[in-house]
Amino acid sequence: MTIIDRARDWASHDPDPATREELNRLIDSAVSSTADGAAATELEPRFAGPLTFGTAGLRGRVGAGETRMNRAVVTRATHGLMSWLNEQVDGTPTVVIGCDARHGSADFRKAAAGVVAAAGGRALVLPAQLPTPVTAFAVRHLGADAGIMVTASHNPPDDNGYKVYLGGRVAPGPAEGVQLIGPADAEIADAIAAAPPADEIALAWEKAEHVDVLDAYLARAGEIGRTFPAADGARPNLRVVLTPMHGVGGSTAVRALEAAGFTDVHLVPGQAEPDPDFPTVAFPNPEEPGALDLSMELAREIDADIIIALDPDADRCSTAVPDADAPGGWRQLTGDEIGALLGEFLASRGENGGTAEAPVLANSIVSGRLLGRIAEFHGLRHETTLTGFKWIARTPGMIFGYEEAIGYCCDPGHVRDKDGVTAAVTMCSLAADVKGRGRTLRDELDDLARTHGLHATAPLTFRVADTSLISEGMRTLRSTPPRELAGSPVVECVDLLDGYRGLPPTDGILLITRDDDRVIVRPSGTEPKLKCYLEVVLSVEDGGPVPHGTAGARLERIRSDMAAATGMG
């Protein structure tokens, strides 16, 4: 089949008039062109193979074609999921379906629910425009066999996605309510490939049940916050600036914080309501430069104590704190700094993780190594996993897990995924406790550095238009890795495709220097990026100053060295 033939076949079975018309226009333009025109060029990537389950499920641009997010793709994906579930469980499979506020999300949620109900499943539909962690919570809370969340999290506004969680009957124990991994992902992919054309798949939206678990989720979030120590009056006296980044987390996070006793919460006005175009930010990702500018303006205006920034589906949480040495008087903490603060806070509470063995702190291999030191200090176990919460969240005995990309799991007994809302509650609880003792979060970080050494981390990201540049950069590193970083010889170079310390193979390169600095390089699983994760470790004299300046300078040298080593600088 030619690209034109494949496109015509797809269009003839597309149940959505809008995407069918979009595709037919491209086909007509391609056929009428006397040379390879823009329309023909546009068709090729739309039929370059179906979307596959990556780090966070299916993701792609909204539009027509098999590599795009559209009603046909969602319909066939859900049919494949239901075919697989019907083979895995006895009786009627129960599936929870939620969505965020992105373009197409409500329509895709309806299509997925219709397929579930028509395929003999019980479709439990959550209200539109809810945070991803509410769907993850619902899978465990309702005892569902699977959960579908329509979201592309912090991706650009033209994208959408489809995440799948598995319930206890197909993924028991700590894997209940976690995103799917192999072999389930490959088996479901095979079932999707075998699905009939989208317009031949039955729908029964009228049989779907509408359920709401938000009150139960908020009650649990408030319970979490109230269990943490805080000086009398510290919670209502903590002034919080909150931005949901034009996403769906604003009202949910405000209600969760109020349930935990935080009443002085100020939403950033221009970013408070859901808007799928994310008009005030270049990218709807709290990690991106400039994303917190409006939050910091408001924080300076009202003399806030802390900034909490959620990503659009509220599964991630960033934090900024007052810092007289930072431009504008505020500094955004790194994902690893937040992870260390939360890990120390939760480790010191003495929870058992539901197992007879020592409880576990877990983080991904690309996250900083400080959490391991904290676990050892408290007599806990530490586990390193592959990148992504589908790996972190299935760790047995885990009481806290995180990834450096501002994803935190603070309540694994109820939400087995990253959860920006409960992370915000936990972070504000820590900030209130610290403020009540006349200290700051910077003081807490410096204490951790004096106890365990300063672990300074930084990202180096190359965003590309041509994804072949990512493969080329990885080939360059594999063939000619750098001999030294920041003047320190590289003493260990590991191709993670060969596995590492018991981890399954993954596409990445790990470098460690004689000074114990570390770099990991990997392709992003969700965006067209090559990502480098940099970490330097410096000892700190007892009672002495923490050498932030020295660490920052060394990170910059490594950044320069890695830009040259990848050929992408």
Protein backbone atom coordinates (compact mmCIF):
# COMPACT_ATOMS: atom_id res chain seq x y z
CA MET A 1 0.00 0.00 0.00
CA THR A 2 1.19 3.50 -0.80
CA ILE A 3 0.88 6.31 1.73
CA ILE A 4 -2.08 7.64 -0.28
CA ASP A 5 -3.80 4.23 -0.20
CA ARG A 6 -3.24 3.89 3.55
CA ALA A 7 -4.56 7.38 4.16
CA ARG A 8 -7.66 6.73 2.04
CA ASP A 9 -8.34 3.48 3.88
CA TRP A 10 -7.97 5.19 7.27
CA ALA A 11 -10.20 8.10 6.24
CA SER A 12 -12.91 5.75 4.99
CA HIS A 13 -13.18 4.29 8.51
CA ASP A 14 -12.66 7.46 10.56
CA PRO A 15 -15.78 7.98 12.74
CA ASP A 16 -15.01 11.67 13.33
CA PRO A 17 -16.18 13.96 10.49
CA ALA A 18 -13.64 16.64 11.41
CA THR A 19 -10.53 14.46 11.20
CA ARG A 20 -11.96 12.59 8.20
CA GLU A 21 -12.31 15.90 6.35
CA GLU A 22 -8.83 16.97 7.47
CA LEU A 23 -7.32 13.79 6.05
CA ASN A 24 -9.30 13.92 2.81
CA ARG A 25 -8.08 17.47 2.18
CA LEU A 26 -4.48 16.31 2.56
CA ILE A 27 -5.11 13.34 0.26
CA ASP A 28 -6.70 15.53 -2.43
CA SER A 29 -3.82 17.99 -2.25
CA ALA A 30 -1.24 15.22 -2.44
CA VAL A 31 -2.93 13.57 -5.44
CA SER A 32 -3.32 16.82 -7.36
CA SER A 33 0.27 17.89 -6.77
CA THR A 34 2.58 17.38 -9.75
CA ALA A 35 5.57 17.00 -7.44
CA ASP A 36 6.23 16.00 -3.86
CA GLY A 37 4.28 18.79 -2.21
CA ALA A 38 3.60 19.78 1.37
CA ALA A 39 0.48 17.64 1.57
CA ALA A 40 2.33 14.45 0.61
CA THR A 41 5.08 15.31 3.05
CA GLU A 42 2.46 15.88 5.74
CA LEU A 43 0.86 12.47 5.16
CA GLU A 44 4.02 10.45 5.70
CA PRO A 45 4.52 11.08 9.45
CA ARG A 46 0.80 10.55 10.05
CA PHE A 47 1.18 6.96 8.83
CA ALA A 48 4.65 6.12 10.07
CA GLY A 49 3.33 3.35 12.32
CA PRO A 50 0.81 3.35 15.18
CA LEU A 51 1.32 5.19 18.46
CA THR A 52 3.00 2.96 21.04
CA PHE A 53 3.02 2.92 24.84
CA GLY A 54 6.02 4.99 25.91
CA THR A 55 7.12 6.36 29.28
CA ALA A 56 3.64 7.74 29.98
CA GLY A 57 1.29 5.86 27.64
CA LEU A 58 0.22 6.93 24.18
CA ARG A 59 1.01 10.53 23.22
CA GLY A 60 0.84 12.46 19.99
CA ARG A 61 -0.43 15.57 18.27
CA VAL A 62 -4.19 15.91 17.97
CA GLY A 63 -5.17 15.36 14.35
CA ALA A 64 -6.01 12.79 11.69
CA GLY A 65 -3.97 9.64 11.09
CA GLU A 66 -2.68 6.58 12.90
CA THR A 67 0.21 8.43 14.62
CA ARG A 68 -2.04 11.24 15.88
CA MET A 69 -4.41 11.42 18.82
CA ASN A 70 -7.97 11.24 17.52
CA ARG A 71 -11.24 9.44 18.09
CA ALA A 72 -10.30 6.57 15.78
CA VAL A 73 -7.01 5.90 17.61
CA VAL A 74 -8.71 6.09 21.02
CA THR A 75 -11.53 3.81 19.87
CA ARG A 76 -9.16 1.15 18.57
CA ALA A 77 -6.85 1.45 21.59
CA THR A 78 -9.77 0.93 23.97
CA HIS A 79 -11.06 -2.00 21.94
CA GLY A 80 -7.63 -3.62 22.23
CA LEU A 81 -7.52 -2.95 25.96
CA MET A 82 -10.96 -4.50 26.45
CA SER A 83 -10.07 -7.56 24.35
CA TRP A 84 -7.07 -8.08 26.61
CA LEU A 85 -9.00 -7.45 29.85
CA ASN A 86 -11.76 -9.86 28.87
CA GLU A 87 -9.11 -12.58 28.59
CA GLN A 88 -7.48 -11.67 31.91
CA VAL A 89 -10.40 -11.44 34.35
CA ASP A 90 -13.43 -13.54 35.16
CA GLY A 91 -16.74 -11.79 34.80
CA THR A 92 -17.22 -8.15 33.91
CA PRO A 93 -14.14 -5.92 33.72
CA THR A 94 -14.54 -2.55 35.42
CA VAL A 95 -12.76 0.42 33.86
CA VAL A 96 -12.52 3.97 35.23
CA ILE A 97 -12.22 6.73 32.62
CA GLY A 98 -11.07 10.30 33.30
CA CYS A 99 -9.77 13.22 31.29
CA ASP A 100 -8.13 16.63 31.58
CA ALA A 101 -9.08 19.84 29.73
CA ARG A 102 -6.89 19.49 26.63
CA HIS A 103 -8.20 19.76 23.10
CA GLY A 104 -10.22 16.62 22.40
CA SER A 105 -10.03 15.19 25.93
CA ALA A 106 -13.77 15.12 26.69
CA ASP A 107 -14.55 13.62 23.28
CA PHE A 108 -11.87 10.95 23.69
CA ARG A 109 -13.17 10.11 27.18
CA LYS A 110 -16.66 9.60 25.74
CA ALA A 111 -15.34 7.37 22.96
CA ALA A 112 -13.33 5.25 25.40
CA ALA A 113 -16.29 4.83 27.75
CA GLY A 114 -18.55 3.87 24.85
CA VAL A 115 -16.16 1.14 23.74
CA VAL A 116 -15.77 -0.23 27.28
CA ALA A 117 -19.53 -0.45 27.80
CA ALA A 118 -20.18 -2.01 24.38
CA ALA A 119 -17.43 -4.60 24.92
CA GLY A 120 -19.16 -5.95 28.00
CA GLY A 121 -17.28 -3.87 30.54
CA ARG A 122 -18.52 -1.63 33.30
CA ALA A 123 -17.52 1.91 32.31
CA LEU A 124 -17.17 4.26 35.30
CA VAL A 125 -16.87 7.78 33.92
CA LEU A 126 -15.35 10.49 36.08
CA PRO A 127 -16.39 14.13 35.63
CA ALA A 128 -14.57 16.01 32.89
CA GLN A 129 -11.49 18.10 33.66
CA LEU A 130 -10.05 16.29 36.66
CA PRO A 131 -6.40 15.80 37.69
CA THR A 132 -4.68 12.60 36.61
CA PRO A 133 -4.02 11.49 40.23
CA VAL A 134 -7.78 11.45 40.87
CA THR A 135 -8.12 8.81 38.15
CA ALA A 136 -5.19 6.87 39.61
CA PHE A 137 -6.85 7.11 43.04
CA ALA A 138 -10.16 5.90 41.60
CA VAL A 139 -8.63 2.67 40.27
CA ARG A 140 -7.70 1.56 43.79
CA HIS A 141 -10.61 3.23 45.59
CA LEU A 142 -13.25 1.62 43.36
CA GLY A 143 -11.44 -1.69 42.90
CA ALA A 144 -11.40 -1.27 39.12
CA ASP A 145 -9.59 -3.60 36.75
CA ALA A 146 -8.17 -0.73 34.72
CA GLY A 147 -8.14 3.02 34.44
CA ILE A 148 -7.90 5.22 31.37
CA MET A 149 -6.74 8.82 31.67
CA VAL A 150 -6.90 11.06 28.63
CA THR A 151 -4.07 13.56 29.08
CA ALA A 152 -0.73 14.67 27.68
CA SER A 153 0.34 16.11 31.04
CA HIS A 154 2.83 18.95 30.39
CA ASN A 155 3.29 18.42 26.65
CA PRO A 156 2.73 21.30 24.18
CA PRO A 157 -0.89 22.40 23.58
CA ASP A 158 -1.26 20.54 20.26
CA ASP A 159 -0.73 17.17 21.99
CA ASN A 160 -2.97 14.75 23.83
CA GLY A 161 -2.48 11.26 25.24
CA TYR A 162 -3.92 8.09 26.73
CA LYS A 163 -2.61 6.52 29.95
CA VAL A 164 -3.61 3.08 31.20
CA TYR A 165 -3.54 1.88 34.81
CA LEU A 166 -4.09 -1.75 35.77
CA GLY A 167 -6.16 -2.86 38.75
CA GLY A 168 -5.64 -5.53 41.35
CA ARG A 169 -7.15 -8.48 39.49
CA VAL A 170 -4.56 -8.17 36.70
CA ALA A 171 -1.75 -6.46 38.63
CA PRO A 172 -1.96 -7.43 42.31
CA GLY A 173 0.01 -6.13 45.28
CA PRO A 174 2.13 -3.01 44.86
CA ALA A 175 1.41 -2.99 41.11
CA GLU A 176 -2.31 -2.36 41.68
CA GLY A 177 -3.23 1.01 40.22
CA VAL A 178 0.13 1.48 38.46
CA GLN A 179 0.62 2.26 34.77
CA LEU A 180 1.13 -0.81 32.66
CA ILE A 181 4.54 -2.21 31.70
CA GLY A 182 5.65 -5.32 29.79
CA PRO A 183 4.46 -7.85 28.95
CA ALA A 184 0.99 -6.29 29.29
CA ASP A 185 1.86 -3.29 27.11
CA ALA A 186 3.02 -5.51 24.24
CA GLU A 187 0.02 -7.82 24.60
CA ILE A 188 -2.37 -4.87 24.54
CA ALA A 189 -0.50 -3.40 21.56
CA ASP A 190 -1.02 -6.68 19.71
CA ALA A 191 -4.72 -6.56 20.57
CA ILE A 192 -4.93 -2.98 19.28
CA ALA A 193 -3.23 -3.99 16.04
CA ALA A 194 -5.83 -6.74 15.63
CA ALA A 195 -8.75 -4.40 16.29
CA PRO A 196 -11.21 -3.77 13.46
CA PRO A 197 -11.49 -0.35 11.81
CA ALA A 198 -12.78 2.30 14.19
CA ASP A 199 -16.17 2.74 12.53
CA GLU A 200 -16.87 -0.99 12.93
CA ILE A 201 -16.32 -0.95 16.71
CA ALA A 202 -19.52 -0.80 18.73
CA LEU A 203 -20.15 2.07 21.17
CA ALA A 204 -22.58 2.20 24.09
CA TRP A 205 -22.04 5.55 25.80
CA GLU A 206 -25.59 5.41 27.17
CA LYS A 207 -24.61 2.40 29.31
CA ALA A 208 -21.71 4.17 31.02
CA GLU A 209 -22.04 4.99 34.72
CA HIS A 210 -21.07 8.42 36.00
CA VAL A 211 -19.19 8.37 39.30
CA ASP A 212 -17.41 10.98 41.38
CA VAL A 213 -14.57 10.13 43.77
CA LEU A 214 -13.29 13.68 44.25
CA ASP A 215 -14.69 14.06 47.78
CA ALA A 216 -13.03 10.81 48.84
CA TYR A 217 -9.75 11.90 47.26
CA LEU A 218 -9.89 15.30 48.99
CA ALA A 219 -10.71 13.68 52.33
CA ARG A 220 -7.61 11.53 51.99
CA ALA A 221 -5.47 14.54 50.99
CA GLY A 222 -6.66 16.46 54.05
CA GLU A 223 -5.97 13.46 56.26
CA ILE A 224 -2.41 13.28 54.94
CA GLY A 225 -1.76 16.93 55.71
CA ARG A 226 -3.19 16.79 59.21
CA THR A 227 -0.93 13.90 60.22
CA PHE A 228 2.24 15.94 59.72
CA PRO A 229 3.70 17.95 62.61
CA ALA A 230 3.24 21.71 62.61
CA ALA A 231 3.51 24.39 65.26
CA ASP A 232 0.25 25.85 66.54
CA GLY A 233 -1.16 28.23 63.98
CA ALA A 234 1.54 27.45 61.43
CA ARG A 235 -0.78 26.09 58.75
CA PRO A 236 -3.16 29.06 58.43
CA ASN A 237 -0.19 31.41 58.69
CA LEU A 238 1.60 29.90 55.68
CA ARG A 239 0.94 32.15 52.69
CA VAL A 240 0.88 30.07 49.51
CA VAL A 241 0.90 31.14 45.87
CA LEU A 242 -0.54 28.40 43.68
CA THR A 243 -0.57 28.09 39.89
CA PRO A 244 -2.24 25.20 38.05
CA MET A 245 -0.53 26.37 34.82
CA HIS A 246 -3.85 26.71 32.92
CA GLY A 247 -4.61 23.11 33.84
CA VAL A 248 -7.16 21.18 35.87
CA GLY A 249 -5.51 21.18 39.30
CA GLY A 250 -6.46 24.61 40.63
CA SER A 251 -9.73 24.04 42.45
CA THR A 252 -8.75 20.52 43.53
CA ALA A 253 -5.45 21.70 45.02
CA VAL A 254 -7.07 24.65 46.80
CA ARG A 255 -9.68 22.35 48.35
CA ALA A 256 -7.02 19.79 49.32
CA LEU A 257 -4.88 22.46 50.98
CA GLU A 258 -7.91 23.85 52.80
CA ALA A 259 -8.79 20.35 54.02
CA ALA A 260 -5.26 20.11 55.43
CA GLY A 261 -5.59 23.47 57.22
CA PHE A 262 -3.99 25.84 54.70
CA THR A 263 -6.38 28.73 54.17
CA ASP A 264 -4.08 31.53 52.96
CA VAL A 265 -3.81 30.24 49.37
CA HIS A 266 -3.66 32.62 46.38
CA LEU A 267 -4.24 31.38 42.83
CA VAL A 268 -2.32 33.13 40.06
CA PRO A 269 -5.20 34.96 38.32
CA GLY A 270 -4.05 34.62 34.72
CA GLN A 271 -3.43 30.87 35.05
CA ALA A 272 -6.22 29.75 37.38
CA GLU A 273 -8.77 28.40 34.89
CA PRO A 274 -8.30 25.49 32.47
CA ASP A 275 -7.25 26.67 29.02
CA PRO A 276 -5.92 24.08 26.54
CA ASP A 277 -3.94 26.75 24.67
CA PHE A 278 -1.82 27.64 27.76
CA PRO A 279 -1.61 31.30 26.63
CA THR A 280 0.74 32.74 29.27
CA VAL A 281 3.59 30.22 28.97
CA ALA A 282 5.83 29.09 26.12
CA PHE A 283 5.49 25.48 27.32
CA PRO A 284 2.99 24.32 30.00
CA ASN A 285 5.72 22.78 32.11
CA PRO A 286 6.70 24.26 35.51
CA GLU A 287 10.32 23.27 34.82
CA GLU A 288 10.62 25.49 31.74
CA PRO A 289 12.32 28.90 32.04
CA GLY A 290 9.77 31.65 32.61
CA ALA A 291 6.93 29.31 33.58
CA LEU A 292 6.85 30.70 37.14
CA ASP A 293 7.25 34.39 36.26
CA LEU A 294 3.61 35.27 37.04
CA SER A 295 3.75 33.23 40.24
CA MET A 296 6.84 35.07 41.42
CA GLU A 297 5.26 38.44 40.63
CA LEU A 298 2.29 37.57 42.82
CA ALA A 299 4.53 36.11 45.54
CA ARG A 300 6.51 39.35 45.76
CA GLU A 301 3.31 41.39 45.80
CA ILE A 302 1.71 39.53 48.71
CA ASP A 303 4.91 38.52 50.56
CA ALA A 304 4.24 34.79 50.18
CA ASP A 305 6.10 32.02 51.99
CA ILE A 306 6.07 29.46 49.19
CA ILE A 307 5.07 28.98 45.55
CA ILE A 308 3.43 25.74 44.44
CA ALA A 309 3.27 25.14 40.67
CA LEU A 310 1.35 22.20 39.23
CA ASP A 311 1.59 20.99 35.68
CA PRO A 312 -1.62 20.97 33.58
CA ASP A 313 -2.90 17.55 34.71
CA ALA A 314 -1.65 18.13 38.28
CA ASP A 315 0.42 14.98 38.57
CA ARG A 316 3.64 16.98 39.07
CA CYS A 317 4.51 19.71 41.55
CA SER A 318 7.26 22.32 41.56
CA THR A 319 8.18 24.67 44.40
CA ALA A 320 9.87 28.04 44.70
CA VAL A 321 11.08 29.68 47.91
CA PRO A 322 12.23 33.15 48.97
CA ASP A 323 15.95 33.62 48.35
CA ALA A 324 17.59 37.02 48.74
CA ASP A 325 20.50 35.89 46.55
CA ALA A 326 18.31 34.87 43.60
CA PRO A 327 17.14 37.21 40.82
CA GLY A 328 13.83 38.69 41.89
CA GLY A 329 14.20 37.31 45.40
CA TRP A 330 12.78 33.86 44.60
CA ARG A 331 14.43 30.57 43.63
CA GLN A 332 12.77 27.56 42.08
CA LEU A 333 13.95 24.37 43.75
CA THR A 334 15.17 21.54 41.56
CA GLY A 335 13.18 18.34 41.35
CA ASP A 336 15.93 16.56 43.29
CA GLU A 337 15.93 19.19 46.05
CA ILE A 338 12.18 18.79 46.48
CA GLY A 339 12.58 15.00 46.43
CA ALA A 340 15.26 15.14 49.13
CA LEU A 341 13.17 17.43 51.34
CA LEU A 342 10.07 15.27 51.01
CA GLY A 343 12.07 12.06 51.42
CA GLU A 344 13.67 13.29 54.65
CA PHE A 345 10.32 14.56 55.94
CA LEU A 346 8.53 11.27 55.27
CA ALA A 347 11.43 9.02 56.32
CA SER A 348 11.57 10.69 59.71
CA ARG A 349 7.93 9.74 60.41
CA GLY A 350 8.68 6.03 60.77
CA GLU A 351 5.99 4.50 58.53
CA ASN A 352 6.45 0.81 57.75
CA GLY A 353 5.34 0.72 54.13
CA GLY A 354 2.97 -2.17 54.79
CA THR A 355 5.71 -4.83 54.92
CA ALA A 356 7.63 -6.63 57.64
CA GLU A 357 10.90 -5.50 56.07
CA ALA A 358 12.32 -2.01 56.35
CA PRO A 359 10.26 0.48 54.32
CA VAL A 360 11.61 1.80 51.05
CA LEU A 361 12.45 5.14 49.51
CA ALA A 362 12.58 4.85 45.71
CA ASN A 363 13.61 7.04 42.82
CA SER A 364 14.52 6.70 39.18
CA ILE A 365 18.06 6.12 37.97
CA VAL A 366 18.22 9.62 36.47
CA SER A 367 17.31 11.23 39.80
CA GLY A 368 19.96 12.34 42.28
CA ARG A 369 21.64 9.93 44.69
CA LEU A 370 20.93 11.90 47.86
CA LEU A 371 17.72 9.95 48.56
CA GLY A 372 19.80 6.79 48.94
CA ARG A 373 21.94 8.49 51.58
CA ILE A 374 18.81 9.65 53.42
CA ALA A 375 17.37 6.13 53.39
CA GLU A 376 20.60 4.66 54.77
CA PHE A 377 20.73 7.31 57.51
CA HIS A 378 17.21 6.39 58.68
CA GLY A 379 17.75 2.63 58.44
CA LEU A 380 15.47 2.31 55.42
CA ARG A 381 15.96 0.51 52.15
CA HIS A 382 16.50 2.38 48.90
CA GLU A 383 15.53 1.21 45.44
CA THR A 384 16.62 2.64 42.10
CA THR A 385 14.28 2.07 39.15
CA LEU A 386 14.08 2.79 35.46
CA THR A 387 12.77 6.19 34.41
CA GLY A 388 9.03 6.73 34.76
CA PHE A 389 6.50 6.22 37.51
CA LYS A 390 5.29 2.99 35.96
CA TRP A 391 8.56 1.61 37.40
CA ILE A 392 8.89 3.65 40.60
CA ALA A 393 5.33 3.09 41.81
CA ARG A 394 5.46 -0.72 41.75
CA THR A 395 8.27 -0.85 44.35
CA PRO A 396 7.16 -3.11 47.25
CA GLY A 397 7.19 -1.46 50.67
CA MET A 398 7.56 2.04 49.25
CA ILE A 399 6.62 4.94 51.52
CA PHE A 400 7.88 7.62 49.14
CA GLY A 401 9.06 7.72 45.56
CA TYR A 402 10.10 10.43 43.18
CA GLU A 403 11.64 11.31 39.84
CA GLU A 404 13.70 14.42 39.21
CA ALA A 405 11.11 15.70 36.72
CA ILE A 406 9.07 17.04 39.71
CA GLY A 407 7.01 13.86 40.12
CA TYR A 408 6.35 12.70 43.71
CA CYS A 409 4.37 9.86 45.27
CA CYS A 410 3.67 10.79 48.89
CA ASP A 411 0.69 8.47 49.51
CA PRO A 412 1.40 5.18 47.72
CA GLY A 413 -1.27 3.33 49.67
CA HIS A 414 -3.95 5.28 47.81
CA VAL A 415 -2.36 6.80 44.69
CA ARG A 416 0.22 4.57 43.06
CA ASP A 417 1.51 7.26 40.74
CA LYS A 418 2.99 10.73 40.94
CA ASP A 419 0.51 13.13 42.49
CA GLY A 420 1.06 16.88 42.42
CA VAL A 421 -1.84 17.64 44.73
CA THR A 422 -0.78 15.48 47.67
CA ALA A 423 2.82 16.52 47.02
CA ALA A 424 1.67 20.14 47.39
CA VAL A 425 -0.08 19.29 50.67
CA THR A 426 3.04 17.51 51.96
CA MET A 427 5.37 20.30 50.83
CA CYS A 428 3.22 22.96 52.49
CA SER A 429 3.10 20.85 55.65
CA LEU A 430 6.89 20.75 55.69
CA ALA A 431 7.11 24.49 54.98
CA ALA A 432 4.68 25.27 57.81
CA ASP A 433 6.63 23.08 60.23
CA VAL A 434 9.90 24.73 59.23
CA LYS A 435 8.45 28.24 59.45
CA GLY A 436 7.03 27.47 62.88
CA ARG A 437 10.56 26.62 64.04
CA GLY A 438 11.96 29.88 62.68
CA ARG A 439 13.80 28.19 59.83
CA THR A 440 13.56 28.03 56.03
CA LEU A 441 13.55 25.28 53.46
CA ARG A 442 17.01 26.48 52.39
CA ASP A 443 18.18 25.81 55.96
CA GLU A 444 16.79 22.28 55.69
CA LEU A 445 18.62 21.68 52.42
CA ASP A 446 21.89 22.95 53.87
CA ASP A 447 21.49 20.60 56.84
CA LEU A 448 21.05 17.68 54.45
CA ALA A 449 24.22 18.76 52.63
CA ARG A 450 26.20 18.89 55.88
CA THR A 451 24.98 15.42 56.83
CA HIS A 452 25.24 13.65 53.47
CA GLY A 453 27.37 15.90 51.24
CA LEU A 454 26.11 18.45 48.75
CA HIS A 455 24.39 16.72 45.83
CA ALA A 456 23.81 19.39 43.19
CA THR A 457 21.92 18.40 40.06
CA ALA A 458 20.96 20.12 36.83
CA PRO A 459 19.37 19.15 33.52
CA LEU A 460 20.79 19.65 30.06
CA THR A 461 18.11 19.26 27.40
CA PHE A 462 18.34 19.40 23.64
CA ARG A 463 14.93 19.94 22.00
CA VAL A 464 15.00 18.99 18.31
CA ALA A 465 12.70 19.27 15.32
CA ASP A 466 14.37 16.30 13.62
CA THR A 467 14.25 13.26 15.93
CA SER A 468 17.04 11.57 13.97
CA LEU A 469 19.39 13.99 15.74
CA ILE A 470 18.59 12.23 19.01
CA SER A 471 19.69 8.84 17.67
CA GLU A 472 22.76 10.48 16.17
CA GLY A 473 23.67 12.04 19.52
CA MET A 474 23.35 8.67 21.27
CA ARG A 475 25.49 6.97 18.61
CA THR A 476 28.15 9.64 19.04
CA LEU A 477 28.27 9.09 22.80
CA ARG A 478 28.44 5.31 22.45
CA SER A 479 31.27 5.42 19.95
CA THR A 480 33.33 8.23 21.49
CA PRO A 481 32.32 8.95 25.10
CA PRO A 482 34.09 11.85 26.83
CA ARG A 483 37.33 10.99 28.61
CA GLU A 484 36.82 13.58 31.33
CA LEU A 485 34.13 15.86 32.72
CA ALA A 486 34.95 19.14 34.48
CA GLY A 487 38.59 18.04 34.47
CA SER A 488 37.93 14.75 36.27
CA PRO A 489 38.63 11.48 34.39
CA VAL A 490 35.63 9.34 33.48
CA VAL A 491 36.20 6.07 35.35
CA GLU A 492 32.95 4.32 34.48
CA CYS A 493 31.00 4.35 31.21
CA VAL A 494 27.94 2.10 31.10
CA ASP A 495 25.64 1.46 28.16
CA LEU A 496 22.29 1.01 29.90
CA LEU A 497 21.09 -1.11 26.98
CA ASP A 498 23.20 -3.83 28.61
CA GLY A 499 21.38 -3.40 31.94
CA TYR A 500 22.77 -1.93 35.14
CA ARG A 501 22.72 -3.24 38.71
CA GLY A 502 19.75 -5.50 38.11
CA LEU A 503 17.72 -2.99 36.09
CA PRO A 504 16.20 -4.05 32.76
CA PRO A 505 17.93 -2.73 29.63
CA THR A 506 17.01 0.81 28.62
CA ASP A 507 18.33 3.30 26.08
CA GLY A 508 20.86 5.43 27.93
CA ILE A 509 24.50 6.09 28.77
CA LEU A 510 25.85 6.49 32.33
CA LEU A 511 29.15 8.24 33.06
CA ILE A 512 30.87 8.52 36.46
CA THR A 513 34.06 10.48 37.12
CA ARG A 514 36.83 9.98 39.65
CA ASP A 515 35.31 12.85 41.69
CA ASP A 516 32.02 10.87 41.80
CA ASP A 517 30.22 13.29 39.51
CA ARG A 518 27.65 11.55 37.34
CA VAL A 519 25.93 12.09 34.01
CA ILE A 520 23.13 10.03 32.49
CA VAL A 521 22.00 10.64 28.90
CA ARG A 522 18.76 9.29 27.44
CA PRO A 523 16.11 10.13 24.85
CA SER A 524 12.92 11.57 26.32
CA GLY A 525 10.04 9.11 26.36
CA THR A 526 7.40 11.82 25.89
CA GLU A 527 8.89 14.65 23.81
CA PRO A 528 11.44 15.18 20.99
CA LYS A 529 14.34 15.78 23.36
CA LEU A 530 17.72 14.36 24.25
CA LYS A 531 18.08 14.70 28.01
CA CYS A 532 21.23 14.79 30.13
CA TYR A 533 21.04 14.51 33.92
CA LEU A 534 24.04 16.06 35.67
CA GLU A 535 25.07 15.54 39.30
CA VAL A 536 28.09 16.72 41.27
CA VAL A 537 28.85 15.66 44.84
CA LEU A 538 30.92 17.77 47.22
CA SER A 539 31.82 17.14 50.84
CA VAL A 540 30.86 19.80 53.39
CA GLU A 541 32.86 20.48 56.51
CA ASP A 542 30.96 20.05 59.76
CA GLY A 543 29.48 23.44 60.56
CA GLY A 544 31.09 25.00 57.50
CA PRO A 545 29.51 26.81 54.56
CA VAL A 546 27.81 24.78 51.86
CA PRO A 547 29.77 25.25 48.60
CA HIS A 548 26.86 26.06 46.30
CA GLY A 549 29.01 28.31 44.11
CA THR A 550 31.65 25.64 43.58
CA ALA A 551 28.98 23.07 42.72
CA GLY A 552 27.29 25.43 40.27
CA ALA A 553 30.57 26.17 38.50
CA ARG A 554 31.34 22.45 38.19
CA LEU A 555 27.88 21.76 36.78
CA GLU A 556 28.44 24.45 34.15
CA ARG A 557 31.74 22.86 33.12
CA ILE A 558 30.04 19.47 32.80
CA ARG A 559 27.21 21.07 30.84
CA SER A 560 29.74 22.48 28.36
CA ASP A 561 31.60 19.18 28.12
CA MET A 562 28.39 17.22 27.44
CA ALA A 563 27.19 19.65 24.79
CA ALA A 564 30.45 19.00 22.97
CA ALA A 565 30.37 15.24 23.58
CA THR A 566 26.89 14.80 22.09
CA GLY A 567 27.63 17.04 19.13
CA MET A 568 24.49 19.03 19.93
CA GLY A 569 26.04 22.06 21.62
